N, C-alpha and C. Protein backbone atom coordinates (compact mmCIF):
# COMPACT_ATOMS: atom_id res chain seq x y z
N MET A 1 -10.27 -16.33 -2.20
CA MET A 1 -9.54 -15.07 -2.32
C MET A 1 -8.50 -14.90 -1.22
N SER A 2 -8.29 -15.90 -0.40
CA SER A 2 -7.33 -15.76 0.68
C SER A 2 -5.90 -15.95 0.21
N GLU A 3 -5.70 -16.51 -0.98
CA GLU A 3 -4.35 -16.70 -1.51
C GLU A 3 -4.17 -15.83 -2.74
N LEU A 4 -3.00 -15.26 -2.85
CA LEU A 4 -2.68 -14.40 -3.99
C LEU A 4 -2.20 -15.25 -5.16
N ASP A 5 -2.77 -15.04 -6.32
CA ASP A 5 -2.37 -15.74 -7.53
C ASP A 5 -0.96 -15.30 -7.92
N PRO A 6 0.02 -16.21 -7.89
CA PRO A 6 1.41 -15.84 -8.23
C PRO A 6 1.54 -15.25 -9.63
N GLY A 7 0.68 -15.68 -10.55
CA GLY A 7 0.72 -15.13 -11.91
C GLY A 7 0.44 -13.64 -11.93
N LEU A 8 -0.46 -13.19 -11.08
CA LEU A 8 -0.75 -11.75 -10.99
C LEU A 8 0.40 -11.00 -10.33
N ALA A 9 0.98 -11.59 -9.31
CA ALA A 9 2.03 -10.92 -8.54
C ALA A 9 3.32 -10.74 -9.33
N ARG A 10 3.64 -11.67 -10.20
CA ARG A 10 4.91 -11.62 -10.93
C ARG A 10 5.05 -10.38 -11.79
N HIS A 11 3.95 -9.83 -12.25
CA HIS A 11 4.00 -8.70 -13.17
C HIS A 11 3.89 -7.34 -12.49
N ILE A 12 3.71 -7.32 -11.19
CA ILE A 12 3.48 -6.05 -10.49
C ILE A 12 4.74 -5.20 -10.49
N ARG A 13 4.61 -3.99 -11.01
CA ARG A 13 5.71 -3.01 -11.05
C ARG A 13 5.41 -1.80 -10.17
N LEU A 14 4.12 -1.65 -9.80
CA LEU A 14 3.71 -0.49 -9.00
C LEU A 14 2.57 -0.90 -8.09
N VAL A 15 2.64 -0.48 -6.83
CA VAL A 15 1.55 -0.70 -5.87
C VAL A 15 1.00 0.66 -5.47
N GLY A 16 -0.29 0.84 -5.70
CA GLY A 16 -0.98 2.05 -5.28
C GLY A 16 -1.79 1.74 -4.03
N LEU A 17 -1.83 2.69 -3.12
CA LEU A 17 -2.52 2.48 -1.86
C LEU A 17 -3.41 3.67 -1.51
N ASP A 18 -4.64 3.39 -1.16
CA ASP A 18 -5.45 4.40 -0.51
C ASP A 18 -4.80 4.63 0.85
N VAL A 19 -5.09 5.74 1.49
CA VAL A 19 -4.46 6.04 2.78
C VAL A 19 -5.44 5.77 3.92
N ASP A 20 -6.48 6.60 4.04
CA ASP A 20 -7.43 6.47 5.15
C ASP A 20 -8.26 5.20 4.99
N GLY A 21 -8.12 4.29 5.93
CA GLY A 21 -8.83 3.02 5.88
C GLY A 21 -7.98 1.89 5.34
N VAL A 22 -6.80 2.20 4.78
CA VAL A 22 -5.89 1.17 4.28
C VAL A 22 -4.57 1.26 5.06
N LEU A 23 -3.88 2.39 4.95
CA LEU A 23 -2.67 2.60 5.75
C LEU A 23 -3.00 3.03 7.17
N THR A 24 -4.23 3.50 7.37
CA THR A 24 -4.70 3.86 8.72
C THR A 24 -5.98 3.09 9.00
N ASP A 25 -6.45 3.20 10.23
CA ASP A 25 -7.71 2.53 10.57
C ASP A 25 -8.92 3.35 10.14
N GLY A 26 -8.69 4.44 9.44
CA GLY A 26 -9.78 5.28 8.96
C GLY A 26 -10.12 6.41 9.91
N GLY A 27 -9.58 6.37 11.12
CA GLY A 27 -9.84 7.45 12.07
C GLY A 27 -8.93 8.64 11.81
N VAL A 28 -9.47 9.82 12.02
CA VAL A 28 -8.69 11.05 11.88
C VAL A 28 -8.88 11.83 13.18
N TYR A 29 -7.77 12.20 13.80
CA TYR A 29 -7.81 12.94 15.05
C TYR A 29 -7.57 14.41 14.72
N VAL A 30 -8.56 15.25 14.99
CA VAL A 30 -8.47 16.66 14.66
C VAL A 30 -8.58 17.46 15.94
N GLY A 31 -7.70 18.43 16.09
CA GLY A 31 -7.71 19.27 17.29
C GLY A 31 -6.95 20.55 17.04
N HIS A 32 -6.55 21.18 18.13
CA HIS A 32 -5.80 22.43 18.05
C HIS A 32 -4.61 22.39 18.98
N ALA A 33 -3.51 22.97 18.55
CA ALA A 33 -2.35 23.23 19.39
C ALA A 33 -2.22 24.75 19.40
N GLY A 34 -2.71 25.34 20.46
CA GLY A 34 -2.82 26.80 20.46
C GLY A 34 -3.90 27.18 19.47
N ASP A 35 -3.57 28.10 18.54
CA ASP A 35 -4.58 28.44 17.52
C ASP A 35 -4.36 27.66 16.23
N GLN A 36 -3.41 26.74 16.20
CA GLN A 36 -3.12 25.98 14.99
C GLN A 36 -3.92 24.67 14.96
N PRO A 37 -4.71 24.47 13.91
CA PRO A 37 -5.39 23.18 13.79
C PRO A 37 -4.35 22.08 13.50
N ILE A 38 -4.56 20.93 14.09
CA ILE A 38 -3.66 19.80 13.84
C ILE A 38 -4.49 18.56 13.52
N GLU A 39 -3.88 17.68 12.75
CA GLU A 39 -4.51 16.43 12.40
C GLU A 39 -3.50 15.31 12.63
N LEU A 40 -3.93 14.28 13.29
CA LEU A 40 -3.06 13.12 13.54
C LEU A 40 -3.70 11.87 12.97
N LYS A 41 -2.85 10.97 12.46
CA LYS A 41 -3.31 9.68 11.97
C LYS A 41 -2.39 8.62 12.55
N ARG A 42 -2.93 7.44 12.76
CA ARG A 42 -2.14 6.32 13.28
C ARG A 42 -1.79 5.39 12.12
N PHE A 43 -0.50 5.21 11.89
CA PHE A 43 -0.01 4.31 10.85
C PHE A 43 0.61 3.09 11.53
N HIS A 44 0.43 1.92 10.93
CA HIS A 44 0.96 0.68 11.49
C HIS A 44 2.40 0.50 11.04
N ILE A 45 3.30 0.26 11.98
CA ILE A 45 4.73 0.18 11.69
C ILE A 45 5.07 -0.98 10.76
N GLN A 46 4.36 -2.10 10.85
CA GLN A 46 4.63 -3.24 9.97
C GLN A 46 4.32 -2.90 8.51
N ASP A 47 3.34 -2.05 8.28
CA ASP A 47 3.04 -1.63 6.91
C ASP A 47 4.23 -0.89 6.32
N GLY A 48 4.86 -0.05 7.13
CA GLY A 48 6.02 0.71 6.65
C GLY A 48 7.15 -0.19 6.20
N LEU A 49 7.45 -1.22 6.98
CA LEU A 49 8.51 -2.15 6.59
C LEU A 49 8.12 -2.92 5.33
N GLY A 50 6.86 -3.28 5.22
CA GLY A 50 6.39 -3.94 4.00
C GLY A 50 6.61 -3.07 2.77
N LEU A 51 6.34 -1.77 2.89
CA LEU A 51 6.55 -0.87 1.76
C LEU A 51 8.03 -0.73 1.43
N ARG A 52 8.86 -0.71 2.45
CA ARG A 52 10.31 -0.64 2.19
C ARG A 52 10.81 -1.88 1.46
N LEU A 53 10.27 -3.04 1.81
CA LEU A 53 10.68 -4.28 1.14
C LEU A 53 10.17 -4.32 -0.31
N LEU A 54 8.96 -3.81 -0.55
CA LEU A 54 8.48 -3.71 -1.93
C LEU A 54 9.40 -2.81 -2.75
N SER A 55 9.78 -1.68 -2.16
CA SER A 55 10.70 -0.76 -2.86
C SER A 55 12.04 -1.43 -3.14
N ALA A 56 12.53 -2.19 -2.17
CA ALA A 56 13.80 -2.89 -2.36
C ALA A 56 13.71 -3.90 -3.50
N ALA A 57 12.51 -4.39 -3.79
CA ALA A 57 12.30 -5.32 -4.89
C ALA A 57 12.12 -4.60 -6.22
N GLY A 58 12.20 -3.26 -6.19
CA GLY A 58 12.06 -2.48 -7.41
C GLY A 58 10.63 -2.13 -7.76
N ILE A 59 9.71 -2.32 -6.83
CA ILE A 59 8.30 -2.00 -7.06
C ILE A 59 8.05 -0.57 -6.58
N ARG A 60 7.46 0.24 -7.46
CA ARG A 60 7.17 1.63 -7.14
C ARG A 60 5.95 1.69 -6.21
N ILE A 61 5.94 2.70 -5.31
CA ILE A 61 4.85 2.87 -4.35
C ILE A 61 4.22 4.24 -4.57
N VAL A 62 2.89 4.26 -4.69
CA VAL A 62 2.15 5.50 -4.87
C VAL A 62 1.00 5.53 -3.86
N LEU A 63 0.92 6.60 -3.08
CA LEU A 63 -0.21 6.79 -2.17
C LEU A 63 -1.24 7.65 -2.90
N VAL A 64 -2.52 7.25 -2.79
CA VAL A 64 -3.59 7.96 -3.48
C VAL A 64 -4.70 8.22 -2.47
N SER A 65 -4.85 9.49 -2.07
CA SER A 65 -5.84 9.82 -1.05
C SER A 65 -6.82 10.87 -1.56
N GLY A 66 -8.05 10.73 -1.13
CA GLY A 66 -9.08 11.72 -1.44
C GLY A 66 -9.15 12.78 -0.36
N ARG A 67 -8.13 12.86 0.49
CA ARG A 67 -8.14 13.82 1.59
C ARG A 67 -6.73 14.35 1.81
N PRO A 68 -6.47 15.60 1.41
CA PRO A 68 -5.15 16.18 1.66
C PRO A 68 -4.84 16.21 3.15
N SER A 69 -3.60 15.83 3.50
CA SER A 69 -3.24 15.75 4.91
C SER A 69 -1.73 15.86 5.07
N GLU A 70 -1.30 16.70 5.98
CA GLU A 70 0.12 16.82 6.30
C GLU A 70 0.65 15.54 6.93
N ALA A 71 -0.20 14.83 7.66
CA ALA A 71 0.22 13.56 8.27
C ALA A 71 0.57 12.54 7.18
N THR A 72 -0.23 12.50 6.12
CA THR A 72 0.05 11.60 5.00
C THR A 72 1.35 11.99 4.32
N THR A 73 1.53 13.27 4.09
CA THR A 73 2.76 13.77 3.45
C THR A 73 3.99 13.40 4.28
N ALA A 74 3.88 13.59 5.60
CA ALA A 74 5.02 13.28 6.48
C ALA A 74 5.35 11.79 6.46
N ARG A 75 4.33 10.93 6.51
CA ARG A 75 4.58 9.48 6.50
C ARG A 75 5.16 9.05 5.16
N ALA A 76 4.67 9.60 4.07
CA ALA A 76 5.19 9.26 2.75
C ALA A 76 6.66 9.66 2.62
N ARG A 77 6.99 10.83 3.14
CA ARG A 77 8.39 11.29 3.09
C ARG A 77 9.27 10.36 3.91
N GLU A 78 8.80 9.97 5.08
CA GLU A 78 9.56 9.08 5.96
C GLU A 78 9.83 7.72 5.30
N LEU A 79 8.88 7.23 4.51
CA LEU A 79 9.00 5.92 3.87
C LEU A 79 9.61 6.00 2.47
N HIS A 80 9.94 7.19 2.01
CA HIS A 80 10.50 7.39 0.67
C HIS A 80 9.56 6.85 -0.41
N VAL A 81 8.27 7.15 -0.26
CA VAL A 81 7.27 6.75 -1.23
C VAL A 81 7.55 7.49 -2.54
N ASP A 82 7.34 6.82 -3.67
CA ASP A 82 7.67 7.40 -4.97
C ASP A 82 6.79 8.59 -5.33
N GLU A 83 5.48 8.49 -5.11
CA GLU A 83 4.57 9.60 -5.41
C GLU A 83 3.42 9.61 -4.43
N VAL A 84 2.90 10.81 -4.17
CA VAL A 84 1.75 10.99 -3.29
C VAL A 84 0.73 11.84 -4.03
N ILE A 85 -0.47 11.31 -4.17
CA ILE A 85 -1.57 12.02 -4.80
C ILE A 85 -2.59 12.28 -3.70
N GLN A 86 -2.93 13.57 -3.50
CA GLN A 86 -3.95 13.93 -2.52
C GLN A 86 -4.93 14.86 -3.22
N ASP A 87 -6.07 14.31 -3.61
CA ASP A 87 -7.08 15.06 -4.36
C ASP A 87 -8.30 15.26 -3.48
N GLU A 88 -8.55 16.49 -3.13
CA GLU A 88 -9.65 16.81 -2.22
C GLU A 88 -10.99 16.29 -2.70
N GLY A 89 -11.18 16.16 -4.02
CA GLY A 89 -12.44 15.67 -4.56
C GLY A 89 -12.46 14.16 -4.71
N ALA A 90 -11.41 13.48 -4.28
CA ALA A 90 -11.29 12.02 -4.37
C ALA A 90 -11.41 11.53 -5.82
N ARG A 91 -10.88 12.32 -6.76
CA ARG A 91 -10.84 11.91 -8.17
C ARG A 91 -9.51 11.20 -8.40
N LYS A 92 -9.48 9.96 -8.01
CA LYS A 92 -8.23 9.20 -8.00
C LYS A 92 -7.83 8.68 -9.37
N LEU A 93 -8.80 8.32 -10.19
CA LEU A 93 -8.51 7.70 -11.48
C LEU A 93 -7.67 8.58 -12.40
N PRO A 94 -8.03 9.84 -12.66
CA PRO A 94 -7.20 10.64 -13.57
C PRO A 94 -5.79 10.88 -13.04
N ALA A 95 -5.66 11.10 -11.76
CA ALA A 95 -4.33 11.35 -11.18
C ALA A 95 -3.46 10.09 -11.27
N PHE A 96 -4.02 8.94 -10.95
CA PHE A 96 -3.27 7.69 -11.00
C PHE A 96 -2.90 7.35 -12.44
N SER A 97 -3.81 7.59 -13.35
CA SER A 97 -3.55 7.37 -14.77
C SER A 97 -2.36 8.21 -15.23
N GLY A 98 -2.28 9.44 -14.74
CA GLY A 98 -1.15 10.31 -15.08
C GLY A 98 0.17 9.75 -14.56
N VAL A 99 0.16 9.18 -13.37
CA VAL A 99 1.37 8.56 -12.81
C VAL A 99 1.83 7.42 -13.71
N LEU A 100 0.89 6.57 -14.11
CA LEU A 100 1.24 5.42 -14.96
C LEU A 100 1.79 5.88 -16.31
N GLU A 101 1.18 6.91 -16.86
CA GLU A 101 1.66 7.44 -18.14
C GLU A 101 3.08 7.99 -18.01
N ARG A 102 3.33 8.78 -16.97
CA ARG A 102 4.67 9.34 -16.75
C ARG A 102 5.72 8.26 -16.53
N GLN A 103 5.32 7.19 -15.86
CA GLN A 103 6.28 6.14 -15.52
C GLN A 103 6.34 5.03 -16.56
N GLY A 104 5.46 5.08 -17.54
CA GLY A 104 5.46 4.05 -18.58
C GLY A 104 5.07 2.68 -18.07
N ILE A 105 4.10 2.65 -17.16
CA ILE A 105 3.65 1.39 -16.56
C ILE A 105 2.21 1.12 -16.98
N ALA A 106 1.94 -0.10 -17.39
CA ALA A 106 0.59 -0.50 -17.82
C ALA A 106 -0.30 -0.78 -16.61
N TRP A 107 -1.60 -0.59 -16.79
CA TRP A 107 -2.56 -0.89 -15.73
C TRP A 107 -2.42 -2.34 -15.26
N ALA A 108 -2.19 -3.24 -16.19
CA ALA A 108 -2.09 -4.67 -15.85
C ALA A 108 -0.92 -4.96 -14.92
N ASP A 109 0.06 -4.07 -14.87
CA ASP A 109 1.25 -4.26 -14.03
C ASP A 109 1.14 -3.54 -12.69
N CYS A 110 -0.09 -3.18 -12.33
CA CYS A 110 -0.32 -2.44 -11.08
C CYS A 110 -1.21 -3.21 -10.13
N CYS A 111 -0.94 -2.98 -8.87
CA CYS A 111 -1.80 -3.44 -7.78
C CYS A 111 -2.36 -2.18 -7.13
N PHE A 112 -3.60 -2.23 -6.69
CA PHE A 112 -4.14 -1.13 -5.90
C PHE A 112 -4.86 -1.74 -4.71
N VAL A 113 -4.66 -1.13 -3.53
CA VAL A 113 -5.29 -1.60 -2.30
C VAL A 113 -6.26 -0.53 -1.83
N GLY A 114 -7.53 -0.92 -1.68
CA GLY A 114 -8.56 0.04 -1.29
C GLY A 114 -9.49 -0.51 -0.24
N ASP A 115 -10.39 0.40 0.20
CA ASP A 115 -11.35 0.01 1.23
C ASP A 115 -12.75 0.59 1.02
N ASP A 116 -12.86 1.65 0.20
CA ASP A 116 -14.14 2.35 0.13
C ASP A 116 -14.50 2.70 -1.32
N LEU A 117 -15.69 3.21 -1.51
CA LEU A 117 -16.25 3.46 -2.83
C LEU A 117 -15.37 4.32 -3.75
N PRO A 118 -14.67 5.37 -3.27
CA PRO A 118 -13.83 6.14 -4.18
C PRO A 118 -12.69 5.32 -4.80
N ASP A 119 -12.40 4.14 -4.26
CA ASP A 119 -11.33 3.29 -4.78
C ASP A 119 -11.79 2.40 -5.94
N LEU A 120 -13.10 2.26 -6.13
CA LEU A 120 -13.62 1.34 -7.15
C LEU A 120 -13.10 1.60 -8.56
N PRO A 121 -13.06 2.86 -9.04
CA PRO A 121 -12.56 3.05 -10.41
C PRO A 121 -11.14 2.51 -10.61
N LEU A 122 -10.28 2.65 -9.62
CA LEU A 122 -8.91 2.12 -9.74
C LEU A 122 -8.91 0.60 -9.63
N LEU A 123 -9.66 0.07 -8.71
CA LEU A 123 -9.71 -1.38 -8.52
C LEU A 123 -10.22 -2.09 -9.78
N ARG A 124 -11.09 -1.43 -10.51
CA ARG A 124 -11.65 -2.03 -11.72
C ARG A 124 -10.69 -1.98 -12.91
N ARG A 125 -9.61 -1.22 -12.78
CA ARG A 125 -8.65 -1.07 -13.90
C ARG A 125 -7.34 -1.82 -13.70
N VAL A 126 -6.88 -1.95 -12.46
CA VAL A 126 -5.55 -2.53 -12.22
C VAL A 126 -5.55 -4.05 -12.43
N GLY A 127 -4.34 -4.58 -12.64
CA GLY A 127 -4.19 -6.02 -12.81
C GLY A 127 -4.42 -6.81 -11.54
N LEU A 128 -4.10 -6.19 -10.38
CA LEU A 128 -4.27 -6.87 -9.10
C LEU A 128 -5.03 -5.97 -8.13
N PRO A 129 -6.36 -6.05 -8.12
CA PRO A 129 -7.16 -5.28 -7.17
C PRO A 129 -7.21 -5.99 -5.82
N VAL A 130 -6.93 -5.23 -4.75
CA VAL A 130 -6.88 -5.80 -3.39
C VAL A 130 -7.79 -4.98 -2.48
N ALA A 131 -8.50 -5.66 -1.61
CA ALA A 131 -9.33 -5.01 -0.59
C ALA A 131 -8.82 -5.41 0.78
N VAL A 132 -8.86 -4.47 1.72
CA VAL A 132 -8.55 -4.81 3.11
C VAL A 132 -9.77 -5.52 3.70
N ALA A 133 -9.57 -6.25 4.77
CA ALA A 133 -10.62 -7.08 5.36
C ALA A 133 -11.89 -6.31 5.71
N ASN A 134 -11.73 -5.06 6.14
CA ASN A 134 -12.89 -4.28 6.56
C ASN A 134 -13.40 -3.36 5.46
N ALA A 135 -13.08 -3.64 4.20
CA ALA A 135 -13.57 -2.84 3.08
C ALA A 135 -15.08 -3.01 2.93
N VAL A 136 -15.69 -2.03 2.29
CA VAL A 136 -17.13 -2.12 2.02
C VAL A 136 -17.37 -3.27 1.03
N PRO A 137 -18.57 -3.84 1.01
CA PRO A 137 -18.84 -5.01 0.17
C PRO A 137 -18.51 -4.81 -1.32
N GLU A 138 -18.78 -3.63 -1.86
CA GLU A 138 -18.50 -3.38 -3.28
C GLU A 138 -17.01 -3.48 -3.59
N VAL A 139 -16.18 -3.03 -2.67
CA VAL A 139 -14.73 -3.09 -2.85
C VAL A 139 -14.25 -4.54 -2.72
N ARG A 140 -14.75 -5.26 -1.74
CA ARG A 140 -14.38 -6.67 -1.61
C ARG A 140 -14.79 -7.47 -2.85
N ASP A 141 -15.95 -7.15 -3.41
CA ASP A 141 -16.42 -7.85 -4.62
C ASP A 141 -15.52 -7.56 -5.82
N ALA A 142 -14.94 -6.38 -5.88
CA ALA A 142 -14.07 -5.99 -7.02
C ALA A 142 -12.66 -6.55 -6.87
N ALA A 143 -12.31 -7.07 -5.71
CA ALA A 143 -10.94 -7.49 -5.42
C ALA A 143 -10.65 -8.92 -5.88
N ARG A 144 -9.40 -9.15 -6.24
CA ARG A 144 -8.91 -10.50 -6.55
C ARG A 144 -8.22 -11.09 -5.32
N PHE A 145 -7.93 -10.25 -4.34
CA PHE A 145 -7.30 -10.68 -3.08
C PHE A 145 -7.86 -9.80 -1.97
N VAL A 146 -8.30 -10.43 -0.88
CA VAL A 146 -8.80 -9.71 0.29
C VAL A 146 -7.91 -10.09 1.46
N THR A 147 -7.38 -9.09 2.15
CA THR A 147 -6.49 -9.36 3.28
C THR A 147 -7.27 -9.94 4.45
N SER A 148 -6.56 -10.61 5.33
CA SER A 148 -7.19 -11.10 6.56
C SER A 148 -7.19 -10.02 7.63
N ARG A 149 -6.32 -9.03 7.48
CA ARG A 149 -6.22 -7.93 8.46
C ARG A 149 -6.97 -6.70 7.96
N PRO A 150 -7.56 -5.95 8.88
CA PRO A 150 -8.22 -4.71 8.49
C PRO A 150 -7.20 -3.60 8.20
N GLY A 151 -7.66 -2.58 7.52
CA GLY A 151 -6.82 -1.43 7.24
C GLY A 151 -6.30 -0.81 8.53
N GLY A 152 -5.04 -0.37 8.48
CA GLY A 152 -4.43 0.25 9.65
C GLY A 152 -3.92 -0.75 10.67
N SER A 153 -4.05 -2.03 10.38
CA SER A 153 -3.63 -3.08 11.32
C SER A 153 -2.72 -4.11 10.66
N GLY A 154 -1.88 -3.65 9.74
CA GLY A 154 -0.94 -4.54 9.09
C GLY A 154 -1.43 -5.13 7.78
N ALA A 155 -2.53 -4.64 7.23
CA ALA A 155 -3.06 -5.16 5.97
C ALA A 155 -2.09 -4.91 4.81
N VAL A 156 -1.44 -3.75 4.80
CA VAL A 156 -0.51 -3.43 3.72
C VAL A 156 0.71 -4.34 3.79
N ARG A 157 1.18 -4.63 4.99
CA ARG A 157 2.29 -5.57 5.16
C ARG A 157 1.90 -6.94 4.61
N GLU A 158 0.66 -7.35 4.88
CA GLU A 158 0.17 -8.63 4.38
C GLU A 158 0.19 -8.65 2.85
N VAL A 159 -0.21 -7.56 2.21
CA VAL A 159 -0.19 -7.47 0.76
C VAL A 159 1.26 -7.52 0.25
N ALA A 160 2.13 -6.73 0.87
CA ALA A 160 3.54 -6.70 0.47
C ALA A 160 4.16 -8.10 0.56
N GLU A 161 3.94 -8.76 1.68
CA GLU A 161 4.51 -10.08 1.86
C GLU A 161 3.93 -11.08 0.87
N ALA A 162 2.63 -11.01 0.60
CA ALA A 162 2.00 -11.92 -0.34
C ALA A 162 2.58 -11.74 -1.75
N ILE A 163 2.77 -10.48 -2.17
CA ILE A 163 3.34 -10.21 -3.49
C ILE A 163 4.77 -10.72 -3.56
N LEU A 164 5.56 -10.39 -2.55
CA LEU A 164 6.97 -10.78 -2.56
C LEU A 164 7.16 -12.29 -2.44
N ARG A 165 6.32 -12.96 -1.68
CA ARG A 165 6.40 -14.43 -1.60
C ARG A 165 5.98 -15.06 -2.93
N ALA A 166 4.93 -14.52 -3.55
CA ALA A 166 4.46 -15.06 -4.83
C ALA A 166 5.52 -14.90 -5.92
N ARG A 167 6.35 -13.89 -5.79
CA ARG A 167 7.43 -13.65 -6.76
C ARG A 167 8.72 -14.37 -6.36
N ASP A 168 8.69 -15.09 -5.25
CA ASP A 168 9.87 -15.77 -4.70
C ASP A 168 10.98 -14.80 -4.33
N ASP A 169 10.61 -13.59 -3.90
CA ASP A 169 11.58 -12.56 -3.50
C ASP A 169 11.69 -12.40 -1.98
N TRP A 170 10.73 -12.93 -1.23
CA TRP A 170 10.65 -12.64 0.20
C TRP A 170 11.91 -13.04 0.97
N ASP A 171 12.34 -14.28 0.84
CA ASP A 171 13.47 -14.77 1.64
C ASP A 171 14.75 -13.97 1.37
N ALA A 172 15.03 -13.68 0.11
CA ALA A 172 16.25 -12.92 -0.22
C ALA A 172 16.16 -11.49 0.31
N LEU A 173 14.99 -10.87 0.19
CA LEU A 173 14.83 -9.51 0.69
C LEU A 173 14.94 -9.45 2.21
N LEU A 174 14.37 -10.43 2.87
CA LEU A 174 14.46 -10.48 4.33
C LEU A 174 15.90 -10.69 4.78
N ALA A 175 16.61 -11.60 4.13
CA ALA A 175 18.02 -11.84 4.47
C ALA A 175 18.84 -10.58 4.24
N ASP A 176 18.60 -9.88 3.13
CA ASP A 176 19.32 -8.64 2.83
C ASP A 176 19.00 -7.56 3.86
N TYR A 177 17.73 -7.46 4.24
CA TYR A 177 17.31 -6.49 5.25
C TYR A 177 18.05 -6.73 6.56
N LEU A 178 18.10 -7.98 7.00
CA LEU A 178 18.78 -8.31 8.25
C LEU A 178 20.29 -8.09 8.14
N ARG A 179 20.85 -8.41 6.99
CA ARG A 179 22.29 -8.20 6.77
C ARG A 179 22.62 -6.71 6.85
N GLN A 180 21.82 -5.87 6.24
CA GLN A 180 22.04 -4.42 6.28
C GLN A 180 21.99 -3.88 7.70
N ARG A 181 21.23 -4.51 8.54
CA ARG A 181 21.09 -4.09 9.93
C ARG A 181 22.18 -4.71 10.81
N GLY A 182 23.00 -5.57 10.20
CA GLY A 182 24.04 -6.24 10.97
C GLY A 182 23.50 -7.33 11.86
N GLU A 183 22.34 -7.87 11.52
CA GLU A 183 21.67 -8.87 12.35
C GLU A 183 21.43 -10.16 11.60
N ALA A 184 22.35 -10.53 10.72
CA ALA A 184 22.14 -11.71 9.88
C ALA A 184 22.95 -12.90 10.38
N ASP A 185 23.03 -13.07 11.69
CA ASP A 185 23.82 -14.19 12.25
C ASP A 185 23.25 -15.55 11.87
N ALA A 186 21.94 -15.68 11.87
CA ALA A 186 21.32 -16.97 11.57
C ALA A 186 20.64 -16.89 10.20
N PRO A 187 20.66 -17.96 9.44
CA PRO A 187 19.97 -17.97 8.15
C PRO A 187 18.47 -17.76 8.36
N VAL A 188 17.81 -17.12 7.41
CA VAL A 188 16.37 -16.90 7.47
C VAL A 188 15.68 -18.25 7.46
N GLY A 189 14.70 -18.42 8.35
CA GLY A 189 13.94 -19.66 8.41
C GLY A 189 14.57 -20.73 9.29
N SER A 190 15.67 -20.38 9.99
CA SER A 190 16.33 -21.40 10.81
C SER A 190 15.72 -21.50 12.20
N GLY A 191 14.72 -20.66 12.44
CA GLY A 191 13.96 -20.79 13.66
C GLY A 191 14.51 -20.19 14.86
């Protein structure tokens, strides 16, 4: 399971991601600023770039969380994520199904990345189920690809890169990214 099947990756049109434990390390920092409760989450910067490259390849991004959070909303807005689902009861399947119906995308053309039991219904339906390295055993067993990195530590970037490499899109997207930044002096891969 350490290598992604290119046949599965070629058809991916949408990547769904759990948030806590996948885009974050699962920790939630809760406190107060004056009388206002605040919540902070740590997101890995490499995951953000991976999501931007997936978007550049025309792959839709959907965050699916069982915990409403302003931190999640803010990060999704910053990354221009296509849709954010935050269901307090962690009923992810009906909400995600609605996204696919609205967008006209088949389950077989979706990837979902999860780490915990509420992710199982989605992982059992999508064409490319992925677990982060520190996922619970049931989630790892349901996955067709398991990352080498734990959630919140670049696992999403690993998934993005694996999908884009399997589709032979990585080098062109990387070159375009560097060109847009004005940093494309050397060809990609020239060391």
